[in-house]
Amino acid sequence: MITPLKRKKFDELIPAVPTSDQYQYFWGGSQDVFKRILISVALLITFSLLYNRTPDNFWGLLMFLCAGLGGLYWMLGPVSTAIRRNTKLRSLSQCGFWEAQVLDIYLSEEVQSRQEDFDQRGRMEVSYDTQSFFNLELGDRTGYTTTLRVPMRREYKRIKPKQLVCMLLFSNDPKFRRVNKITTDAYLPQINLWVSDYPYLRRDVFMNLTRYMLSRDQPIVDIEDVEDIEDDQAEDQDNYYED
């Protein structure tokens, strides 16, 4: 069951300014930070040299600003990457709250890299670096189904078939006859668990929305241990739905 949301709520759930979780996602490891530092140093040196050779006018000011921003690239790089990632969803016109069930659960593996080497006898040895993925097949009463595929984590073992899953779906069609393949974080309120790779959502806002949605009518499966539902029942329905 898909419930369309107002644009105001859409923008609140997928913010233009990256959240701390989104920034941390793109911060990366030590090698990623080191690469960004090298780029920052290169940009700072390049624009500083251009600034010294540019007359004291508009172009000189521009080179000065570019040198400053380039020197901060190691810190601002994750921000720009997260903004581009969020913009892909924010460019879509429609957003809907989807209540679904877990239909199936299975694991898969993907080859990340392939290495070839030779042993002492000159025979070639091939090794593969693989990563395990958790696949969650979801569906609702209307027959719509989709599969959420994320890197495997230990806490996902708590997920069972027929549990309720809440997430957002996106489309440029107001009636959601065609749904974009990009999916956001999935929230399982029965076990208070998030399933995602990139944290698209402001999770505090989405959890409040989920409590409201589950309190307004009978969900597609029985929900247990959803706390503080009564606090949200007084909120005006117009805060969430399209006119």
Protein backbone atom coordinates (compact mmCIF):
# COMPACT_ATOMS: atom_id res chain seq x y z
CA MET A 1 0.00 0.00 0.00
CA ILE A 2 1.50 3.30 -1.16
CA THR A 3 0.40 6.57 0.45
CA PRO A 4 1.52 9.71 -1.46
CA LEU A 5 3.24 12.38 0.64
CA LYS A 6 3.36 16.13 0.26
CA ARG A 7 6.47 17.74 -1.18
CA LYS A 8 7.16 19.42 2.14
CA LYS A 9 7.37 16.05 3.87
CA PHE A 10 9.42 14.67 0.96
CA ASP A 11 12.01 17.42 1.39
CA GLU A 12 12.08 16.86 5.14
CA LEU A 13 12.77 13.15 4.75
CA ILE A 14 15.41 13.57 2.01
CA PRO A 15 17.23 16.77 3.02
CA ALA A 16 19.17 18.93 0.59
CA VAL A 17 21.92 19.40 3.17
CA PRO A 18 23.54 16.03 3.99
CA THR A 19 22.99 14.55 7.43
CA SER A 20 25.84 13.43 9.69
CA ASP A 21 25.17 9.78 8.74
CA GLN A 22 25.44 10.64 5.04
CA TYR A 23 28.65 12.59 5.61
CA GLN A 24 30.13 9.68 7.54
CA TYR A 25 29.13 7.24 4.79
CA PHE A 26 31.23 9.10 2.21
CA TRP A 27 34.09 9.93 4.58
CA GLY A 28 35.63 6.55 3.78
CA GLY A 29 38.71 4.92 5.20
CA SER A 30 42.24 6.18 5.69
CA GLN A 31 43.14 5.66 2.02
CA ASP A 32 40.15 7.72 0.88
CA VAL A 33 41.10 10.54 3.26
CA PHE A 34 44.72 10.43 2.08
CA LYS A 35 43.61 10.71 -1.58
CA ARG A 36 41.46 13.72 -0.78
CA ILE A 37 44.34 15.37 1.09
CA LEU A 38 46.61 14.93 -1.95
CA ILE A 39 43.93 16.47 -4.18
CA SER A 40 43.52 19.35 -1.72
CA VAL A 41 47.25 20.06 -1.74
CA ALA A 42 47.37 19.95 -5.55
CA LEU A 43 44.38 22.31 -5.87
CA LEU A 44 45.77 24.69 -3.26
CA ILE A 45 49.16 24.92 -4.98
CA THR A 46 47.65 25.30 -8.46
CA PHE A 47 45.21 28.08 -7.59
CA SER A 48 47.77 29.84 -5.38
CA LEU A 49 50.16 30.05 -8.31
CA LEU A 50 47.38 31.34 -10.54
CA TYR A 51 46.42 33.89 -7.90
CA ASN A 52 49.98 35.23 -7.72
CA ARG A 53 50.00 35.69 -11.51
CA THR A 54 46.52 37.23 -11.72
CA PRO A 55 45.94 40.99 -11.47
CA ASP A 56 44.18 42.30 -8.40
CA ASN A 57 40.68 42.21 -9.88
CA PHE A 58 37.70 39.87 -10.11
CA TRP A 59 39.80 37.01 -11.46
CA GLY A 60 42.30 37.40 -8.66
CA LEU A 61 39.52 37.17 -6.10
CA LEU A 62 38.13 34.13 -7.88
CA MET A 63 41.51 32.36 -7.80
CA PHE A 64 41.82 33.18 -4.08
CA LEU A 65 38.43 31.64 -3.35
CA CYS A 66 39.22 28.58 -5.46
CA ALA A 67 42.50 28.10 -3.58
CA GLY A 68 40.65 28.25 -0.27
CA LEU A 69 37.96 25.79 -1.35
CA GLY A 70 40.53 23.51 -2.94
CA GLY A 71 42.48 23.40 0.31
CA LEU A 72 39.32 22.30 2.10
CA TYR A 73 38.42 19.61 -0.44
CA TRP A 74 39.58 16.83 1.87
CA MET A 75 36.86 17.87 4.31
CA LEU A 76 34.16 19.11 1.90
CA GLY A 77 34.42 16.26 -0.61
CA PRO A 78 31.96 13.96 1.24
CA VAL A 79 29.48 16.84 1.43
CA SER A 80 29.41 17.40 -2.33
CA THR A 81 29.14 13.64 -3.00
CA ALA A 82 26.21 13.28 -0.60
CA ILE A 83 24.46 16.29 -2.14
CA ARG A 84 24.73 14.73 -5.61
CA ARG A 85 23.39 11.42 -4.26
CA ASN A 86 20.42 13.09 -2.57
CA THR A 87 19.66 15.23 -5.63
CA LYS A 88 18.95 12.11 -7.71
CA LEU A 89 15.95 11.38 -5.49
CA ARG A 90 14.93 14.98 -4.88
CA SER A 91 14.68 15.51 -8.65
CA LEU A 92 11.72 13.10 -8.75
CA SER A 93 8.33 14.71 -8.34
CA GLN A 94 6.45 12.13 -6.26
CA CYS A 95 7.22 10.34 -3.00
CA GLY A 96 5.09 7.71 -1.27
CA PHE A 97 5.12 5.86 2.03
CA TRP A 98 5.03 2.12 1.33
CA GLU A 99 3.86 -0.60 3.73
CA ALA A 100 5.01 -4.04 2.60
CA GLN A 101 5.74 -7.53 3.85
CA VAL A 102 8.91 -9.58 3.73
CA LEU A 103 8.21 -12.21 1.06
CA ASP A 104 11.58 -13.88 0.80
CA ILE A 105 15.13 -13.62 2.14
CA TYR A 106 18.28 -14.89 0.46
CA LEU A 107 22.00 -14.22 0.25
CA SER A 108 24.13 -13.61 -2.82
CA GLU A 109 27.77 -12.92 -3.54
CA GLU A 110 29.36 -10.45 -5.92
CA VAL A 111 32.93 -10.49 -7.21
CA GLN A 112 34.59 -7.21 -6.23
CA SER A 113 38.01 -7.84 -7.79
CA ARG A 114 40.00 -10.54 -9.58
CA GLN A 115 43.71 -11.15 -9.00
CA GLU A 116 46.07 -13.30 -11.01
CA ASP A 117 49.39 -14.59 -9.70
CA PHE A 118 51.95 -17.29 -10.48
CA ASP A 119 53.25 -19.85 -8.04
CA GLN A 120 56.82 -21.11 -7.84
CA ARG A 121 56.16 -23.65 -10.59
CA GLY A 122 54.92 -21.00 -12.98
CA ARG A 123 51.28 -22.01 -12.74
CA MET A 124 48.76 -19.20 -12.73
CA GLU A 125 46.55 -18.85 -9.69
CA VAL A 126 43.38 -16.80 -9.79
CA SER A 127 41.79 -15.43 -6.63
CA TYR A 128 38.56 -13.52 -6.24
CA ASP A 129 37.57 -10.94 -3.66
CA THR A 130 33.85 -11.37 -3.04
CA GLN A 131 31.27 -9.58 -0.91
CA SER A 132 28.09 -11.06 0.53
CA PHE A 133 24.80 -9.27 -0.07
CA PHE A 134 21.50 -9.54 1.78
CA ASN A 135 18.48 -9.67 -0.52
CA LEU A 136 15.06 -8.79 0.83
CA GLU A 137 12.10 -9.45 -1.46
CA LEU A 138 9.17 -7.22 -0.51
CA GLY A 139 5.56 -7.03 -1.63
CA ASP A 140 2.14 -5.64 -0.71
CA ARG A 141 -1.52 -6.53 -1.15
CA THR A 142 -1.72 -4.82 -4.54
CA GLY A 143 0.83 -7.22 -6.00
CA TYR A 144 3.70 -4.75 -6.32
CA THR A 145 7.06 -6.33 -5.44
CA THR A 146 10.65 -5.17 -5.31
CA THR A 147 13.96 -6.49 -4.02
CA LEU A 148 16.18 -4.57 -1.62
CA ARG A 149 19.84 -5.55 -1.94
CA VAL A 150 22.35 -4.37 0.67
CA PRO A 151 25.73 -5.51 2.04
CA MET A 152 25.29 -8.28 4.60
CA ARG A 153 25.29 -7.41 8.31
CA ARG A 154 24.95 -9.69 11.30
CA GLU A 155 21.85 -7.95 12.67
CA TYR A 156 19.88 -8.82 9.52
CA LYS A 157 19.56 -12.39 10.83
CA ARG A 158 16.65 -11.13 12.95
CA ILE A 159 14.52 -10.56 9.86
CA LYS A 160 11.82 -13.16 9.18
CA PRO A 161 9.21 -13.61 6.42
CA LYS A 162 5.87 -11.79 6.84
CA GLN A 163 7.37 -9.02 8.96
CA LEU A 164 6.23 -5.49 8.17
CA VAL A 165 8.61 -3.23 6.22
CA CYS A 166 8.15 0.52 5.76
CA MET A 167 10.06 2.58 3.22
CA LEU A 168 9.70 5.29 0.59
CA LEU A 169 9.04 4.80 -3.10
CA PHE A 170 9.59 7.48 -5.77
CA SER A 171 8.03 8.24 -9.12
CA ASN A 172 7.26 10.99 -11.59
CA ASP A 173 3.76 9.58 -11.95
CA PRO A 174 1.24 10.89 -9.35
CA LYS A 175 -0.53 7.51 -9.43
CA PHE A 176 2.72 5.54 -9.02
CA ARG A 177 2.03 3.35 -12.04
CA ARG A 178 5.78 3.45 -12.69
CA VAL A 179 8.12 3.46 -9.71
CA ASN A 180 11.78 4.50 -9.76
CA LYS A 181 14.21 1.67 -9.07
CA ILE A 182 16.05 3.67 -6.41
CA THR A 183 14.93 2.64 -2.91
CA THR A 184 15.67 4.22 0.45
CA ASP A 185 16.37 2.77 3.85
CA ALA A 186 13.83 0.15 4.92
CA TYR A 187 12.52 0.18 8.47
CA LEU A 188 11.12 -2.89 10.25
CA PRO A 189 9.11 -1.50 13.22
CA GLN A 190 8.41 -4.91 14.77
CA ILE A 191 12.10 -5.41 15.56
CA ASN A 192 13.21 -1.75 15.35
CA LEU A 193 15.77 -2.49 12.62
CA TRP A 194 16.98 -0.50 9.62
CA VAL A 195 18.10 -2.17 6.40
CA SER A 196 20.11 0.02 4.06
CA ASP A 197 23.40 0.76 2.39
CA TYR A 198 23.40 4.53 1.94
CA PRO A 199 21.34 6.31 4.66
CA TYR A 200 19.03 8.41 2.48
CA LEU A 201 16.47 9.23 5.18
CA ARG A 202 16.32 11.42 8.23
CA ARG A 203 15.49 8.45 10.36
CA ASP A 204 14.00 10.30 13.31
CA VAL A 205 11.45 11.96 10.99
CA PHE A 206 10.68 8.68 9.22
CA MET A 207 10.11 6.83 12.49
CA ASN A 208 7.58 9.47 13.56
CA LEU A 209 5.89 9.16 10.18
CA THR A 210 5.79 5.36 10.51
CA ARG A 211 4.14 5.56 13.94
CA TYR A 212 1.53 7.92 12.56
CA MET A 213 0.79 5.75 9.53
CA LEU A 214 0.45 2.59 11.59
CA SER A 215 -1.85 4.29 14.08
CA ARG A 216 -4.35 5.66 11.55
CA ASP A 217 -5.64 2.31 10.29
CA GLN A 218 -5.09 -1.44 10.43
CA PRO A 219 -1.68 -2.31 8.92
CA ILE A 220 -1.25 -5.13 6.45
CA VAL A 221 0.25 -7.35 9.17
CA ASP A 222 -0.09 -7.23 12.93
CA ILE A 223 2.39 -4.91 14.56
CA GLU A 224 3.82 -5.58 17.99
CA ASP A 225 5.76 -3.36 20.31
CA VAL A 226 5.28 -0.11 18.41
CA GLU A 227 5.72 2.40 21.21
CA ASP A 228 4.31 5.87 21.66
CA ILE A 229 1.73 5.57 18.90
CA GLU A 230 -0.81 7.55 20.94
CA ASP A 231 1.44 10.62 20.95
CA ASP A 232 1.17 10.92 17.18
CA GLN A 233 -2.54 10.23 16.73
CA ALA A 234 -3.41 13.88 17.40
CA GLU A 235 -1.36 15.15 14.47
CA ASP A 236 -3.35 16.56 11.59
CA GLN A 237 -3.56 14.21 8.62
CA ASP A 238 -2.85 17.11 6.25
CA ASN A 239 0.72 17.20 7.53
CA TYR A 240 1.45 14.02 5.60
CA TYR A 241 -0.90 13.61 2.64
CA GLU A 242 -1.23 15.30 -0.67
CA ASP A 243 -4.25 17.53 -1.23
